[in-house]
Amino acid sequence: MVELLAEGCTDAVVARRLGVSERTVTATVRVLLDRYGARSRFQLALALAGRTW
């Protein structure tokens, strides 16, 4: 999921590719934003850039 988000995919595209609901993707993104203290997807991407997934 993180790779797809980093590519700039929307929640709808990520959901379709992973076979999950868009609501699941949106909720997961919110959890990640909270966990990393990011206020935007861009900040989240920067926070995750150094991590190996």
C-alpha atoms as a PDB file:
ATOM      1  CA  MET A   1       0.000   0.000   0.000  1.00  0.00           C
ATOM      2  CA  VAL A   2       2.751   2.447   0.895  1.00  0.00           C
ATOM      3  CA  GLU A   3       4.418   1.975  -2.488  1.00  0.00           C
ATOM      4  CA  LEU A   4       1.179   2.732  -4.304  1.00  0.00           C
ATOM      5  CA  LEU A   5       0.608   5.837  -2.223  1.00  0.00           C
ATOM      6  CA  ALA A   6       4.185   6.933  -2.895  1.00  0.00           C
ATOM      7  CA  GLU A   7       3.503   6.578  -6.615  1.00  0.00           C
ATOM      8  CA  GLY A   8       0.702   9.081  -6.168  1.00  0.00           C
ATOM      9  CA  CYS A   9      -2.215   6.669  -6.477  1.00  0.00           C
ATOM     10  CA  THR A  10      -5.525   7.774  -5.056  1.00  0.00           C
ATOM     11  CA  ASP A  11      -7.279   5.809  -2.339  1.00  0.00           C
ATOM     12  CA  ALA A  12      -9.667   4.449  -4.977  1.00  0.00           C
ATOM     13  CA  VAL A  13      -6.823   3.171  -7.170  1.00  0.00           C
ATOM     14  CA  VAL A  14      -5.007   1.625  -4.200  1.00  0.00           C
ATOM     15  CA  ALA A  15      -8.210  -0.090  -3.075  1.00  0.00           C
ATOM     16  CA  ARG A  16      -8.869  -1.493  -6.536  1.00  0.00           C
ATOM     17  CA  ARG A  17      -5.321  -2.820  -6.923  1.00  0.00           C
ATOM     18  CA  LEU A  18      -5.287  -4.417  -3.473  1.00  0.00           C
ATOM     19  CA  GLY A  19      -8.834  -5.739  -3.587  1.00  0.00           C
ATOM     20  CA  VAL A  20      -9.974  -3.880  -0.480  1.00  0.00           C
ATOM     21  CA  SER A  21     -12.515  -1.136   0.076  1.00  0.00           C
ATOM     22  CA  GLU A  22     -11.669   2.518  -0.392  1.00  0.00           C
ATOM     23  CA  ARG A  23     -12.747   3.104   3.210  1.00  0.00           C
ATOM     24  CA  THR A  24     -10.101   0.612   4.371  1.00  0.00           C
ATOM     25  CA  VAL A  25      -7.395   2.492   2.489  1.00  0.00           C
ATOM     26  CA  THR A  26      -8.583   5.867   3.787  1.00  0.00           C
ATOM     27  CA  ALA A  27      -8.653   4.579   7.366  1.00  0.00           C
ATOM     28  CA  THR A  28      -5.184   3.063   7.033  1.00  0.00           C
ATOM     29  CA  VAL A  29      -3.789   6.323   5.662  1.00  0.00           C
ATOM     30  CA  ARG A  30      -5.269   8.182   8.625  1.00  0.00           C
ATOM     31  CA  VAL A  31      -3.661   5.736  11.060  1.00  0.00           C
ATOM     32  CA  LEU A  32      -0.297   6.196   9.338  1.00  0.00           C
ATOM     33  CA  LEU A  33      -0.666   9.984   9.363  1.00  0.00           C
ATOM     34  CA  ASP A  34      -1.343   9.879  13.111  1.00  0.00           C
ATOM     35  CA  ARG A  35       1.417   7.374  13.827  1.00  0.00           C
ATOM     36  CA  TYR A  36       4.069   9.440  12.044  1.00  0.00           C
ATOM     37  CA  GLY A  37       2.717  12.824  13.094  1.00  0.00           C
ATOM     38  CA  ALA A  38       2.261  13.868   9.482  1.00  0.00           C
ATOM     39  CA  ARG A  39      -0.281  16.489   8.478  1.00  0.00           C
ATOM     40  CA  SER A  40      -0.378  15.562   4.797  1.00  0.00           C
ATOM     41  CA  ARG A  41       0.323  12.648   2.486  1.00  0.00           C
ATOM     42  CA  PHE A  42       3.460  14.476   1.378  1.00  0.00           C
ATOM     43  CA  GLN A  43       4.757  14.659   4.940  1.00  0.00           C
ATOM     44  CA  LEU A  44       3.877  10.991   5.392  1.00  0.00           C
ATOM     45  CA  ALA A  45       5.865  10.095   2.285  1.00  0.00           C
ATOM     46  CA  LEU A  46       8.863  11.993   3.641  1.00  0.00           C
ATOM     47  CA  ALA A  47       8.551  10.201   6.985  1.00  0.00           C
ATOM     48  CA  LEU A  48       8.433   6.801   5.266  1.00  0.00           C
ATOM     49  CA  ALA A  49      11.106   7.518   2.655  1.00  0.00           C
ATOM     50  CA  GLY A  50      13.921   6.161   4.767  1.00  0.00           C
ATOM     51  CA  ARG A  51      12.122   2.967   5.719  1.00  0.00           C
ATOM     52  CA  THR A  52      12.385  -0.384   3.937  1.00  0.00           C
ATOM     53  CA  TRP A  53       9.061  -2.062   3.352  1.00  0.00           C
END
